[in-house]
Amino acid sequence: GNWCHEYRKLKAKVETIQKCQKHLMGEDLESLNLKELQQLEQQLESSLKHIRSRKNQLMPESISELQ
C-alpha cells in the first residue's frame, strides 16, 4: 500500500544521508568522481572557515573569563 511507498522513500533518504555523512568523514570516497571530490573539498573548507571563525570569536570571551 501507500505506507510501503513512504517507507521506501524514507529508507532511500536515510541511505543518502548516511552516504553523505560517510563522505564528510572521509570514508567511501571511491564512489566519488573528481568533480564530486572537489565539491566535497569546497564544502569541507567552507565548514572549516565557519568553525574557525566561531572559535576565534569565543577565544577572547574565554580568556577574559579566566582573568
Protein backbone atom coordinates (compact mmCIF):
# COMPACT_ATOMS: atom_id res chain seq x y z
CA GLY A 1 0.00 0.00 0.00
CA ASN A 2 0.87 3.67 0.35
CA TRP A 3 2.79 3.28 3.62
CA CYS A 4 5.09 0.85 1.84
CA HIS A 5 5.92 3.50 -0.74
CA GLU A 6 6.55 6.08 2.03
CA TYR A 7 8.79 3.59 3.84
CA ARG A 8 10.88 3.03 0.69
CA LYS A 9 11.19 6.80 0.13
CA LEU A 10 12.30 7.40 3.74
CA LYS A 11 14.72 4.46 3.60
CA ALA A 12 16.30 5.91 0.44
CA LYS A 13 16.60 9.33 2.12
CA VAL A 14 18.28 7.80 5.17
CA GLU A 15 20.72 5.91 2.95
CA THR A 16 21.57 9.11 1.06
CA ILE A 17 22.16 10.99 4.32
CA GLN A 18 24.34 8.16 5.65
CA LYS A 19 26.38 8.16 2.44
CA CYS A 20 26.85 11.95 2.69
CA GLN A 21 27.90 11.63 6.32
CA LYS A 22 30.49 8.98 5.40
CA HIS A 23 31.88 11.23 2.67
CA LEU A 24 32.15 14.12 5.14
CA MET A 25 34.08 11.78 7.46
CA GLY A 26 36.45 10.86 4.60
CA GLU A 27 35.02 7.36 4.15
CA ASP A 28 33.77 5.58 1.00
CA LEU A 29 35.38 8.17 -1.28
CA GLU A 30 35.97 5.55 -4.01
CA SER A 31 32.42 6.08 -5.29
CA LEU A 32 33.04 9.80 -5.98
CA ASN A 33 34.37 11.20 -9.25
CA LEU A 34 36.81 14.11 -9.47
CA LYS A 35 34.10 16.80 -9.64
CA GLU A 36 32.27 15.34 -6.62
CA LEU A 37 35.54 15.17 -4.66
CA GLN A 38 36.23 18.83 -5.48
CA GLN A 39 32.72 19.80 -4.34
CA LEU A 40 33.19 17.84 -1.12
CA GLU A 41 36.54 19.55 -0.55
CA GLN A 42 34.99 23.01 -1.06
CA GLN A 43 32.15 22.15 1.31
CA LEU A 44 34.60 21.00 3.99
CA GLU A 45 36.80 24.09 3.54
CA SER A 46 33.75 26.31 3.91
CA SER A 47 32.70 24.43 7.04
CA LEU A 48 36.20 24.79 8.49
CA LYS A 49 36.10 28.56 7.88
CA HIS A 50 32.84 28.82 9.82
CA ILE A 51 34.20 26.66 12.65
CA ARG A 52 37.44 28.65 12.93
CA SER A 53 35.54 31.92 12.80
CA ARG A 54 33.29 30.81 15.66
CA LYS A 55 36.29 29.53 17.63
CA ASN A 56 38.14 32.83 17.17
CA GLN A 57 35.02 34.64 18.32
CA LEU A 58 34.87 32.57 21.52
CA MET A 59 38.59 32.71 22.35
CA PRO A 60 38.68 36.30 23.71
CA GLU A 61 35.50 35.68 25.72
CA SER A 62 37.02 32.54 27.18
CA ILE A 63 40.29 34.33 28.03
CA SER A 64 38.50 37.23 29.73
CA GLU A 65 36.51 34.75 31.83
CA LEU A 66 39.78 33.26 33.09
CA GLN A 67 41.11 36.65 34.20
